[in-house]
Each structure stands twice: as structure tokens, then as C-alpha cells.
Amino acid sequence: MSNYDPANEYHSEMVTDACECALSKHLPVNFDDPVAYMKLMFRLIRWVERLIRDPDSQVRCNPRDMEAAAHDLCLFLFQAPDLCHNDLTIADIQGASPAYPDLDGE
């Protein structure tokens, strides 16, 4: 199990930085929709934090693993053209692929 502590400001910043880095590689340079950006970042951060805390996951509390996990989720989201990123919901993601892990952890 990872030593990730969400109350640790350094760990939280590390997750956020990794997610921002991964997302920046998938968004167009002129992307200017702060609401969509925040929804995507929220999903990425929750997803990466969930993977870090999962004892069966290979993702550890280090920038490289976290960015790779965020990149994988970006690949899934941006290769699903039927999803509207402005109205992205957990149900939309799960509906697009029933095999995809539950982002809520339920």
C-alpha cells in the first residue's frame, strides 16, 4: 500500500501537478473552458488518488506513476467521442465502458 496522505499538502500538490501535466498533453493549446477544465481535473485527481490508495494497484505516490495514471484516464476520456466533456459525469464514463472501474469507488 502507498504512503499517500491526502492531508499532506505536498502529496496533494504532487497529485494536482501530475494531473495538470497529463491533461495539458491532451487539451488543445487554445482550450479556454474553465468549467470543463475543472471537471476534468476533478475526475483525474479523484481517479489518481483512488489508484494510489488501492493496495492492488501498481500506482505509487511518485510523480511518474501519478502522471501515467492520469494520462491513461485522459486517453480513455478523449477517445470516447460520444462523451461531452462539458457535461461529463461518472455515469457517462461508466456507461461508455462497463468494464471501466467505478470512479466513485462504490
PDB file of N, CA and C in Angstrom:
ATOM      1  N   MET A   1       0.832  -1.185   0.000  1.00  0.00           N
ATOM      2  CA  MET A   1       0.000   0.000   0.000  1.00  0.00           C
ATOM      3  C   MET A   1       0.875   1.245   0.000  1.00  0.00           C
ATOM      4  N   SER A   2       0.382   2.269  -0.623  1.00  0.00           N
ATOM      5  CA  SER A   2       1.124   3.509  -0.768  1.00  0.00           C
ATOM      6  C   SER A   2       1.122   4.305   0.534  1.00  0.00           C
ATOM      7  N   ASN A   3       2.089   5.186   0.659  1.00  0.00           N
ATOM      8  CA  ASN A   3       2.156   6.054   1.825  1.00  0.00           C
ATOM      9  C   ASN A   3       1.490   7.402   1.547  1.00  0.00           C
ATOM     10  N   TYR A   4       0.564   7.440   0.608  1.00  0.00           N
ATOM     11  CA  TYR A   4      -0.125   8.676   0.237  1.00  0.00           C
ATOM     12  C   TYR A   4      -1.013   9.160   1.372  1.00  0.00           C
ATOM     13  N   ASP A   5      -0.912  10.444   1.677  1.00  0.00           N
ATOM     14  CA  ASP A   5      -1.736  11.062   2.713  1.00  0.00           C
ATOM     15  C   ASP A   5      -2.401  12.296   2.113  1.00  0.00           C
ATOM     16  N   PRO A   6      -3.728  12.254   1.868  1.00  0.00           N
ATOM     17  CA  PRO A   6      -4.401  13.395   1.251  1.00  0.00           C
ATOM     18  C   PRO A   6      -4.341  14.663   2.102  1.00  0.00           C
ATOM     19  N   ALA A   7      -4.088  14.522   3.401  1.00  0.00           N
ATOM     20  CA  ALA A   7      -3.969  15.696   4.267  1.00  0.00           C
ATOM     21  C   ALA A   7      -2.591  16.349   4.139  1.00  0.00           C
ATOM     22  N   ASN A   8      -1.645  15.626   3.565  1.00  0.00           N
ATOM     23  CA  ASN A   8      -0.302  16.153   3.369  1.00  0.00           C
ATOM     24  C   ASN A   8      -0.316  17.073   2.149  1.00  0.00           C
ATOM     25  N   GLU A   9      -0.033  18.350   2.366  1.00  0.00           N
ATOM     26  CA  GLU A   9      -0.094  19.339   1.286  1.00  0.00           C
ATOM     27  C   GLU A   9       0.857  18.981   0.140  1.00  0.00           C
ATOM     28  N   TYR A  10       2.020  18.463   0.462  1.00  0.00           N
ATOM     29  CA  TYR A  10       2.979  18.074  -0.578  1.00  0.00           C
ATOM     30  C   TYR A  10       2.406  16.969  -1.462  1.00  0.00           C
ATOM     31  N   HIS A  11       1.773  15.962  -0.865  1.00  0.00           N
ATOM     32  CA  HIS A  11       1.178  14.873  -1.641  1.00  0.00           C
ATOM     33  C   HIS A  11       0.052  15.391  -2.525  1.00  0.00           C
ATOM     34  N   SER A  12      -0.793  16.257  -1.974  1.00  0.00           N
ATOM     35  CA  SER A  12      -1.901  16.817  -2.755  1.00  0.00           C
ATOM     36  C   SER A  12      -1.391  17.625  -3.943  1.00  0.00           C
ATOM     37  N   GLU A  13      -0.358  18.426  -3.719  1.00  0.00           N
ATOM     38  CA  GLU A  13       0.229  19.209  -4.815  1.00  0.00           C
ATOM     39  C   GLU A  13       0.854  18.299  -5.865  1.00  0.00           C
ATOM     40  N   MET A  14       1.474  17.220  -5.418  1.00  0.00           N
ATOM     41  CA  MET A  14       2.094  16.287  -6.348  1.00  0.00           C
ATOM     42  C   MET A  14       1.041  15.650  -7.258  1.00  0.00           C
ATOM     43  N   VAL A  15      -0.100  15.268  -6.691  1.00  0.00           N
ATOM     44  CA  VAL A  15      -1.187  14.691  -7.487  1.00  0.00           C
ATOM     45  C   VAL A  15      -1.716  15.733  -8.469  1.00  0.00           C
ATOM     46  N   THR A  16      -1.972  16.943  -7.981  1.00  0.00           N
ATOM     47  CA  THR A  16      -2.502  18.007  -8.840  1.00  0.00           C
ATOM     48  C   THR A  16      -1.536  18.321  -9.974  1.00  0.00           C
ATOM     49  N   ASP A  17      -0.257  18.448  -9.670  1.00  0.00           N
ATOM     50  CA  ASP A  17       0.742  18.736 -10.709  1.00  0.00           C
ATOM     51  C   ASP A  17       0.795  17.628 -11.755  1.00  0.00           C
ATOM     52  N   ALA A  18       0.761  16.381 -11.307  1.00  0.00           N
ATOM     53  CA  ALA A  18       0.807  15.255 -12.245  1.00  0.00           C
ATOM     54  C   ALA A  18      -0.418  15.257 -13.148  1.00  0.00           C
ATOM     55  N   CYS A  19      -1.580  15.546 -12.579  1.00  0.00           N
ATOM     56  CA  CYS A  19      -2.819  15.578 -13.370  1.00  0.00           C
ATOM     57  C   CYS A  19      -2.814  16.746 -14.349  1.00  0.00           C
ATOM     58  N   GLU A  20      -2.333  17.908 -13.917  1.00  0.00           N
ATOM     59  CA  GLU A  20      -2.244  19.059 -14.819  1.00  0.00           C
ATOM     60  C   GLU A  20      -1.304  18.765 -15.978  1.00  0.00           C
ATOM     61  N   CYS A  21      -0.189  18.140 -15.683  1.00  0.00           N
ATOM     62  CA  CYS A  21       0.782  17.807 -16.725  1.00  0.00           C
ATOM     63  C   CYS A  21       0.171  16.843 -17.735  1.00  0.00           C
ATOM     64  N   ALA A  22      -0.495  15.812 -17.252  1.00  0.00           N
ATOM     65  CA  ALA A  22      -1.117  14.833 -18.152  1.00  0.00           C
ATOM     66  C   ALA A  22      -2.214  15.483 -18.984  1.00  0.00           C
ATOM     67  N   LEU A  23      -3.067  16.282 -18.344  1.00  0.00           N
ATOM     68  CA  LEU A  23      -4.179  16.911 -19.056  1.00  0.00           C
ATOM     69  C   LEU A  23      -3.685  17.902 -20.102  1.00  0.00           C
ATOM     70  N   SER A  24      -2.609  18.618 -19.798  1.00  0.00           N
ATOM     71  CA  SER A  24      -2.085  19.605 -20.753  1.00  0.00           C
ATOM     72  C   SER A  24      -1.622  18.953 -22.053  1.00  0.00           C
ATOM     73  N   LYS A  25      -1.268  17.684 -22.001  1.00  0.00           N
ATOM     74  CA  LYS A  25      -0.823  16.976 -23.206  1.00  0.00           C
ATOM     75  C   LYS A  25      -1.996  16.547 -24.084  1.00  0.00           C
ATOM     76  N   HIS A  26      -3.212  16.633 -23.551  1.00  0.00           N
ATOM     77  CA  HIS A  26      -4.387  16.169 -24.288  1.00  0.00           C
ATOM     78  C   HIS A  26      -5.309  17.293 -24.740  1.00  0.00           C
ATOM     79  N   LEU A  27      -5.181  18.466 -24.127  1.00  0.00           N
ATOM     80  CA  LEU A  27      -6.053  19.581 -24.490  1.00  0.00           C
ATOM     81  C   LEU A  27      -5.421  20.421 -25.591  1.00  0.00           C
ATOM     82  N   PRO A  28      -6.237  21.014 -26.467  1.00  0.00           N
ATOM     83  CA  PRO A  28      -5.690  21.914 -27.482  1.00  0.00           C
ATOM     84  C   PRO A  28      -5.056  23.136 -26.817  1.00  0.00           C
ATOM     85  N   VAL A  29      -4.084  23.725 -27.485  1.00  0.00           N
ATOM     86  CA  VAL A  29      -3.371  24.877 -26.938  1.00  0.00           C
ATOM     87  C   VAL A  29      -4.338  26.021 -26.626  1.00  0.00           C
ATOM     88  N   ASN A  30      -5.335  26.222 -27.469  1.00  0.00           N
ATOM     89  CA  ASN A  30      -6.260  27.343 -27.284  1.00  0.00           C
ATOM     90  C   ASN A  30      -7.495  26.966 -26.457  1.00  0.00           C
ATOM     91  N   PHE A  31      -7.448  25.879 -25.717  1.00  0.00           N
ATOM     92  CA  PHE A  31      -8.585  25.441 -24.901  1.00  0.00           C
ATOM     93  C   PHE A  31      -8.869  26.486 -23.834  1.00  0.00           C
ATOM     94  N   ASP A  32     -10.108  26.987 -23.805  1.00  0.00           N
ATOM     95  CA  ASP A  32     -10.447  28.051 -22.865  1.00  0.00           C
ATOM     96  C   ASP A  32     -11.852  27.838 -22.309  1.00  0.00           C
ATOM     97  N   ASP A  33     -12.043  26.754 -21.603  1.00  0.00           N
ATOM     98  CA  ASP A  33     -13.320  26.471 -20.947  1.00  0.00           C
ATOM     99  C   ASP A  33     -13.007  26.068 -19.512  1.00  0.00           C
ATOM    100  N   PRO A  34     -12.985  27.057 -18.600  1.00  0.00           N
ATOM    101  CA  PRO A  34     -12.578  26.762 -17.226  1.00  0.00           C
ATOM    102  C   PRO A  34     -13.476  25.748 -16.517  1.00  0.00           C
ATOM    103  N   VAL A  35     -14.759  25.730 -16.852  1.00  0.00           N
ATOM    104  CA  VAL A  35     -15.675  24.779 -16.209  1.00  0.00           C
ATOM    105  C   VAL A  35     -15.327  23.354 -16.633  1.00  0.00           C
ATOM    106  N   ALA A  36     -15.152  23.152 -17.927  1.00  0.00           N
ATOM    107  CA  ALA A  36     -14.783  21.822 -18.422  1.00  0.00           C
ATOM    108  C   ALA A  36     -13.421  21.408 -17.869  1.00  0.00           C
ATOM    109  N   TYR A  37     -12.476  22.341 -17.826  1.00  0.00           N
ATOM    110  CA  TYR A  37     -11.142  22.045 -17.309  1.00  0.00           C
ATOM    111  C   TYR A  37     -11.227  21.586 -15.852  1.00  0.00           C
ATOM    112  N   MET A  38     -12.005  22.304 -15.041  1.00  0.00           N
ATOM    113  CA  MET A  38     -12.119  21.940 -13.629  1.00  0.00           C
ATOM    114  C   MET A  38     -12.808  20.588 -13.459  1.00  0.00           C
ATOM    115  N   LYS A  39     -13.815  20.295 -14.283  1.00  0.00           N
ATOM    116  CA  LYS A  39     -14.468  18.986 -14.201  1.00  0.00           C
ATOM    117  C   LYS A  39     -13.486  17.873 -14.544  1.00  0.00           C
ATOM    118  N   LEU A  40     -12.699  18.089 -15.574  1.00  0.00           N
ATOM    119  CA  LEU A  40     -11.712  17.081 -15.962  1.00  0.00           C
ATOM    120  C   LEU A  40     -10.650  16.910 -14.882  1.00  0.00           C
ATOM    121  N   MET A  41     -10.150  18.016 -14.349  1.00  0.00           N
ATOM    122  CA  MET A  41      -9.138  17.934 -13.292  1.00  0.00           C
ATOM    123  C   MET A  41      -9.693  17.217 -12.061  1.00  0.00           C
ATOM    124  N   PHE A  42     -10.933  17.518 -11.704  1.00  0.00           N
ATOM    125  CA  PHE A  42     -11.552  16.863 -10.552  1.00  0.00           C
ATOM    126  C   PHE A  42     -11.592  15.354 -10.760  1.00  0.00           C
ATOM    127  N   ARG A  43     -12.003  14.919 -11.954  1.00  0.00           N
ATOM    128  CA  ARG A  43     -12.067  13.484 -12.260  1.00  0.00           C
ATOM    129  C   ARG A  43     -10.670  12.860 -12.207  1.00  0.00           C
ATOM    130  N   LEU A  44      -9.702  13.539 -12.805  1.00  0.00           N
ATOM    131  CA  LEU A  44      -8.341  13.000 -12.822  1.00  0.00           C
ATOM    132  C   LEU A  44      -7.781  12.862 -11.410  1.00  0.00           C
ATOM    133  N   ILE A  45      -7.928  13.897 -10.621  1.00  0.00           N
ATOM    134  CA  ILE A  45      -7.380  13.872  -9.260  1.00  0.00           C
ATOM    135  C   ILE A  45      -8.028  12.760  -8.441  1.00  0.00           C
ATOM    136  N   ARG A  46      -9.347  12.652  -8.500  1.00  0.00           N
ATOM    137  CA  ARG A  46     -10.029  11.590  -7.748  1.00  0.00           C
ATOM    138  C   ARG A  46      -9.586  10.213  -8.220  1.00  0.00           C
ATOM    139  N   TRP A  47      -9.438  10.049  -9.531  1.00  0.00           N
ATOM    140  CA  TRP A  47      -9.034   8.764 -10.097  1.00  0.00           C
ATOM    141  C   TRP A  47      -7.630   8.391  -9.625  1.00  0.00           C
ATOM    142  N   VAL A  48      -6.692   9.333  -9.718  1.00  0.00           N
ATOM    143  CA  VAL A  48      -5.308   9.061  -9.325  1.00  0.00           C
ATOM    144  C   VAL A  48      -5.230   8.786  -7.822  1.00  0.00           C
ATOM    145  N   GLU A  49      -5.925   9.583  -7.018  1.00  0.00           N
ATOM    146  CA  GLU A  49      -5.918   9.339  -5.570  1.00  0.00           C
ATOM    147  C   GLU A  49      -6.474   7.957  -5.238  1.00  0.00           C
ATOM    148  N   ARG A  50      -7.512   7.568  -5.938  1.00  0.00           N
ATOM    149  CA  ARG A  50      -8.103   6.241  -5.697  1.00  0.00           C
ATOM    150  C   ARG A  50      -7.095   5.135  -6.037  1.00  0.00           C
ATOM    151  N   LEU A  51      -6.404   5.293  -7.154  1.00  0.00           N
ATOM    152  CA  LEU A  51      -5.412   4.286  -7.536  1.00  0.00           C
ATOM    153  C   LEU A  51      -4.260   4.213  -6.540  1.00  0.00           C
ATOM    154  N   ILE A  52      -3.824   5.355  -6.054  1.00  0.00           N
ATOM    155  CA  ILE A  52      -2.712   5.382  -5.095  1.00  0.00           C
ATOM    156  C   ILE A  52      -3.092   4.647  -3.812  1.00  0.00           C
ATOM    157  N   ARG A  53      -4.336   4.810  -3.378  1.00  0.00           N
ATOM    158  CA  ARG A  53      -4.777   4.175  -2.129  1.00  0.00           C
ATOM    159  C   ARG A  53      -5.138   2.706  -2.296  1.00  0.00           C
ATOM    160  N   ASP A  54      -5.309   2.254  -3.517  1.00  0.00           N
ATOM    161  CA  ASP A  54      -5.702   0.867  -3.772  1.00  0.00           C
ATOM    162  C   ASP A  54      -4.495  -0.056  -3.580  1.00  0.00           C
ATOM    163  N   PRO A  55      -4.559  -0.985  -2.619  1.00  0.00           N
ATOM    164  CA  PRO A  55      -3.405  -1.858  -2.372  1.00  0.00           C
ATOM    165  C   PRO A  55      -3.091  -2.794  -3.543  1.00  0.00           C
ATOM    166  N   ASP A  56      -4.056  -3.032  -4.413  1.00  0.00           N
ATOM    167  CA  ASP A  56      -3.828  -3.904  -5.567  1.00  0.00           C
ATOM    168  C   ASP A  56      -3.300  -3.152  -6.785  1.00  0.00           C
ATOM    169  N   SER A  57      -3.226  -1.845  -6.683  1.00  0.00           N
ATOM    170  CA  SER A  57      -2.782  -1.018  -7.803  1.00  0.00           C
ATOM    171  C   SER A  57      -1.254  -0.950  -7.847  1.00  0.00           C
ATOM    172  N   GLN A  58      -0.730  -0.786  -9.042  1.00  0.00           N
ATOM    173  CA  GLN A  58       0.714  -0.619  -9.220  1.00  0.00           C
ATOM    174  C   GLN A  58       1.127   0.849  -9.121  1.00  0.00           C
ATOM    175  N   VAL A  59       0.147   1.757  -9.009  1.00  0.00           N
ATOM    176  CA  VAL A  59       0.427   3.193  -8.942  1.00  0.00           C
ATOM    177  C   VAL A  59       0.892   3.548  -7.536  1.00  0.00           C
ATOM    178  N   ARG A  60       2.023   4.201  -7.452  1.00  0.00           N
ATOM    179  CA  ARG A  60       2.588   4.592  -6.166  1.00  0.00           C
ATOM    180  C   ARG A  60       2.615   6.111  -6.051  1.00  0.00           C
ATOM    181  N   CYS A  61       2.928   6.575  -4.865  1.00  0.00           N
ATOM    182  CA  CYS A  61       2.941   8.011  -4.580  1.00  0.00           C
ATOM    183  C   CYS A  61       4.244   8.621  -5.085  1.00  0.00           C
ATOM    184  N   ASN A  62       4.369   8.687  -6.412  1.00  0.00           N
ATOM    185  CA  ASN A  62       5.501   9.383  -7.019  1.00  0.00           C
ATOM    186  C   ASN A  62       4.997  10.039  -8.302  1.00  0.00           C
ATOM    187  N   PRO A  63       5.616  11.138  -8.702  1.00  0.00           N
ATOM    188  CA  PRO A  63       5.110  11.901  -9.849  1.00  0.00           C
ATOM    189  C   PRO A  63       4.982  11.085 -11.131  1.00  0.00           C
ATOM    190  N   ARG A  64       5.925  10.215 -11.408  1.00  0.00           N
ATOM    191  CA  ARG A  64       5.893   9.445 -12.657  1.00  0.00           C
ATOM    192  C   ARG A  64       4.680   8.511 -12.709  1.00  0.00           C
ATOM    193  N   ASP A  65       4.434   7.771 -11.637  1.00  0.00           N
ATOM    194  CA  ASP A  65       3.281   6.867 -11.588  1.00  0.00           C
ATOM    195  C   ASP A  65       1.967   7.635 -11.665  1.00  0.00           C
ATOM    196  N   MET A  66       1.896   8.749 -10.935  1.00  0.00           N
ATOM    197  CA  MET A  66       0.657   9.525 -10.913  1.00  0.00           C
ATOM    198  C   MET A  66       0.362  10.138 -12.279  1.00  0.00           C
ATOM    199  N   GLU A  67       1.378  10.672 -12.936  1.00  0.00           N
ATOM    200  CA  GLU A  67       1.160  11.252 -14.264  1.00  0.00           C
ATOM    201  C   GLU A  67       0.753  10.177 -15.267  1.00  0.00           C
ATOM    202  N   ALA A  68       1.357   9.004 -15.177  1.00  0.00           N
ATOM    203  CA  ALA A  68       0.998   7.909 -16.087  1.00  0.00           C
ATOM    204  C   ALA A  68      -0.458   7.488 -15.877  1.00  0.00           C
ATOM    205  N   ALA A  69      -0.906   7.430 -14.624  1.00  0.00           N
ATOM    206  CA  ALA A  69      -2.300   7.066 -14.340  1.00  0.00           C
ATOM    207  C   ALA A  69      -3.255   8.127 -14.876  1.00  0.00           C
ATOM    208  N   ALA A  70      -2.918   9.395 -14.688  1.00  0.00           N
ATOM    209  CA  ALA A  70      -3.759  10.482 -15.205  1.00  0.00           C
ATOM    210  C   ALA A  70      -3.777  10.461 -16.731  1.00  0.00           C
ATOM    211  N   HIS A  71      -2.638  10.185 -17.330  1.00  0.00           N
ATOM    212  CA  HIS A  71      -2.543  10.093 -18.794  1.00  0.00           C
ATOM    213  C   HIS A  71      -3.450   8.970 -19.314  1.00  0.00           C
ATOM    214  N   ASP A  72      -3.456   7.833 -18.635  1.00  0.00           N
ATOM    215  CA  ASP A  72      -4.312   6.711 -19.044  1.00  0.00           C
ATOM    216  C   ASP A  72      -5.788   7.094 -19.014  1.00  0.00           C
ATOM    217  N   LEU A  73      -6.208   7.813 -17.972  1.00  0.00           N
ATOM    218  CA  LEU A  73      -7.608   8.234 -17.908  1.00  0.00           C
ATOM    219  C   LEU A  73      -7.909   9.252 -19.004  1.00  0.00           C
ATOM    220  N   CYS A  74      -6.977  10.160 -19.274  1.00  0.00           N
ATOM    221  CA  CYS A  74      -7.170  11.121 -20.371  1.00  0.00           C
ATOM    222  C   CYS A  74      -7.345  10.386 -21.694  1.00  0.00           C
ATOM    223  N   LEU A  75      -6.536   9.375 -21.928  1.00  0.00           N
ATOM    224  CA  LEU A  75      -6.672   8.602 -23.165  1.00  0.00           C
ATOM    225  C   LEU A  75      -8.066   8.010 -23.273  1.00  0.00           C
ATOM    226  N   PHE A  76      -8.564   7.469 -22.178  1.00  0.00           N
ATOM    227  CA  PHE A  76      -9.912   6.900 -22.193  1.00  0.00           C
ATOM    228  C   PHE A  76     -10.947   7.982 -22.487  1.00  0.00           C
ATOM    229  N   LEU A  77     -10.874   9.097 -21.772  1.00  0.00           N
ATOM    230  CA  LEU A  77     -11.878  10.150 -21.925  1.00  0.00           C
ATOM    231  C   LEU A  77     -11.881  10.757 -23.321  1.00  0.00           C
ATOM    232  N   PHE A  78     -10.699  11.026 -23.850  1.00  0.00           N
ATOM    233  CA  PHE A  78     -10.621  11.717 -25.131  1.00  0.00           C
ATOM    234  C   PHE A  78     -10.779  10.780 -26.320  1.00  0.00           C
ATOM    235  N   GLN A  79     -10.769   9.487 -26.085  1.00  0.00           N
ATOM    236  CA  GLN A  79     -11.034   8.543 -27.171  1.00  0.00           C
ATOM    237  C   GLN A  79     -12.478   8.075 -27.147  1.00  0.00           C
ATOM    238  N   ALA A  80     -13.295   8.696 -26.312  1.00  0.00           N
ATOM    239  CA  ALA A  80     -14.721   8.374 -26.244  1.00  0.00           C
ATOM    240  C   ALA A  80     -15.489   9.559 -26.829  1.00  0.00           C
ATOM    241  N   PRO A  81     -15.624   9.625 -28.171  1.00  0.00           N
ATOM    242  CA  PRO A  81     -16.203  10.814 -28.802  1.00  0.00           C
ATOM    243  C   PRO A  81     -17.661  11.057 -28.442  1.00  0.00           C
ATOM    244  N   ASP A  82     -18.356  10.042 -27.935  1.00  0.00           N
ATOM    245  CA  ASP A  82     -19.760  10.240 -27.584  1.00  0.00           C
ATOM    246  C   ASP A  82     -19.928  10.982 -26.259  1.00  0.00           C
ATOM    247  N   LEU A  83     -18.829  11.177 -25.523  1.00  0.00           N
ATOM    248  CA  LEU A  83     -18.928  11.904 -24.262  1.00  0.00           C
ATOM    249  C   LEU A  83     -18.728  13.397 -24.505  1.00  0.00           C
ATOM    250  N   CYS A  84     -19.569  14.189 -23.910  1.00  0.00           N
ATOM    251  CA  CYS A  84     -19.424  15.639 -23.987  1.00  0.00           C
ATOM    252  C   CYS A  84     -18.652  16.064 -22.742  1.00  0.00           C
ATOM    253  N   HIS A  85     -17.460  16.585 -22.909  1.00  0.00           N
ATOM    254  CA  HIS A  85     -16.622  16.880 -21.759  1.00  0.00           C
ATOM    255  C   HIS A  85     -17.177  18.009 -20.896  1.00  0.00           C
ATOM    256  N   ASN A  86     -18.016  18.867 -21.455  1.00  0.00           N
ATOM    257  CA  ASN A  86     -18.594  19.936 -20.641  1.00  0.00           C
ATOM    258  C   ASN A  86     -19.619  19.400 -19.654  1.00  0.00           C
ATOM    259  N   ASP A  87     -20.243  18.287 -19.964  1.00  0.00           N
ATOM    260  CA  ASP A  87     -21.263  17.705 -19.094  1.00  0.00           C
ATOM    261  C   ASP A  87     -20.845  16.328 -18.602  1.00  0.00           C
ATOM    262  N   LEU A  88     -19.574  16.115 -18.467  1.00  0.00           N
ATOM    263  CA  LEU A  88     -19.038  14.815 -18.104  1.00  0.00           C
ATOM    264  C   LEU A  88     -19.491  14.399 -16.710  1.00  0.00           C
ATOM    265  N   THR A  89     -20.048  13.215 -16.615  1.00  0.00           N
ATOM    266  CA  THR A  89     -20.446  12.681 -15.318  1.00  0.00           C
ATOM    267  C   THR A  89     -19.849  11.293 -15.150  1.00  0.00           C
ATOM    268  N   ILE A  90     -19.803  10.838 -13.931  1.00  0.00           N
ATOM    269  CA  ILE A  90     -19.301   9.499 -13.660  1.00  0.00           C
ATOM    270  C   ILE A  90     -20.162   8.466 -14.378  1.00  0.00           C
ATOM    271  N   ALA A  91     -21.471   8.692 -14.391  1.00  0.00           N
ATOM    272  CA  ALA A  91     -22.376   7.758 -15.069  1.00  0.00           C
ATOM    273  C   ALA A  91     -22.066   7.676 -16.563  1.00  0.00           C
ATOM    274  N   ASP A  92     -21.705   8.810 -17.178  1.00  0.00           N
ATOM    275  CA  ASP A  92     -21.348   8.802 -18.597  1.00  0.00           C
ATOM    276  C   ASP A  92     -20.123   7.930 -18.843  1.00  0.00           C
ATOM    277  N   ILE A  93     -19.133   8.077 -17.981  1.00  0.00           N
ATOM    278  CA  ILE A  93     -17.898   7.317 -18.153  1.00  0.00           C
ATOM    279  C   ILE A  93     -18.178   5.829 -17.978  1.00  0.00           C
ATOM    280  N   GLN A  94     -18.908   5.480 -16.928  1.00  0.00           N
ATOM    281  CA  GLN A  94     -19.205   4.073 -16.681  1.00  0.00           C
ATOM    282  C   GLN A  94     -20.106   3.509 -17.764  1.00  0.00           C
ATOM    283  N   GLY A  95     -21.028   4.319 -18.278  1.00  0.00           N
ATOM    284  CA  GLY A  95     -21.920   3.862 -19.336  1.00  0.00           C
ATOM    285  C   GLY A  95     -21.187   3.604 -20.631  1.00  0.00           C
ATOM    286  N   ALA A  96     -20.108   4.347 -20.860  1.00  0.00           N
ATOM    287  CA  ALA A  96     -19.333   4.179 -22.086  1.00  0.00           C
ATOM    288  C   ALA A  96     -18.562   2.870 -22.073  1.00  0.00           C
ATOM    289  N   SER A  97     -18.200   2.411 -20.902  1.00  0.00           N
ATOM    290  CA  SER A  97     -17.451   1.167 -20.799  1.00  0.00           C
ATOM    291  C   SER A  97     -17.760   0.503 -19.466  1.00  0.00           C
ATOM    292  N   PRO A  98     -18.654  -0.486 -19.446  1.00  0.00           N
ATOM    293  CA  PRO A  98     -18.999  -1.132 -18.184  1.00  0.00           C
ATOM    294  C   PRO A  98     -17.806  -1.809 -17.510  1.00  0.00           C
ATOM    295  N   ALA A  99     -16.774  -2.109 -18.270  1.00  0.00           N
ATOM    296  CA  ALA A  99     -15.596  -2.746 -17.687  1.00  0.00           C
ATOM    297  C   ALA A  99     -14.687  -1.727 -17.011  1.00  0.00           C
ATOM    298  N   TYR A 100     -14.936  -0.445 -17.277  1.00  0.00           N
ATOM    299  CA  TYR A 100     -14.068   0.578 -16.694  1.00  0.00           C
ATOM    300  C   TYR A 100     -14.356   0.701 -15.205  1.00  0.00           C
ATOM    301  N   PRO A 101     -13.348   0.850 -14.367  1.00  0.00           N
ATOM    302  CA  PRO A 101     -13.546   0.881 -12.915  1.00  0.00           C
ATOM    303  C   PRO A 101     -14.481   2.005 -12.476  1.00  0.00           C
ATOM    304  N   ASP A 102     -15.185   1.751 -11.408  1.00  0.00           N
ATOM    305  CA  ASP A 102     -16.106   2.714 -10.815  1.00  0.00           C
ATOM    306  C   ASP A 102     -15.296   3.867 -10.231  1.00  0.00           C
ATOM    307  N   LEU A 103     -15.477   5.072 -10.748  1.00  0.00           N
ATOM    308  CA  LEU A 103     -14.704   6.213 -10.280  1.00  0.00           C
ATOM    309  C   LEU A 103     -15.101   6.661  -8.881  1.00  0.00           C
ATOM    310  N   ASP A 104     -16.296   6.287  -8.435  1.00  0.00           N
ATOM    311  CA  ASP A 104     -16.726   6.642  -7.092  1.00  0.00           C
ATOM    312  C   ASP A 104     -16.218   5.656  -6.053  1.00  0.00           C
ATOM    313  N   GLY A 105     -15.742   4.519  -6.490  1.00  0.00           N
ATOM    314  CA  GLY A 105     -15.260   3.511  -5.563  1.00  0.00           C
ATOM    315  C   GLY A 105     -16.382   2.757  -4.878  1.00  0.00           C
ATOM    316  N   GLU A 106     -17.561   2.821  -5.445  1.00  0.00           N
ATOM    317  CA  GLU A 106     -18.705   2.130  -4.846  1.00  0.00           C
ATOM    318  C   GLU A 106     -18.954   0.811  -5.533  1.00  0.00           C
TER     319      GLU A 106
END
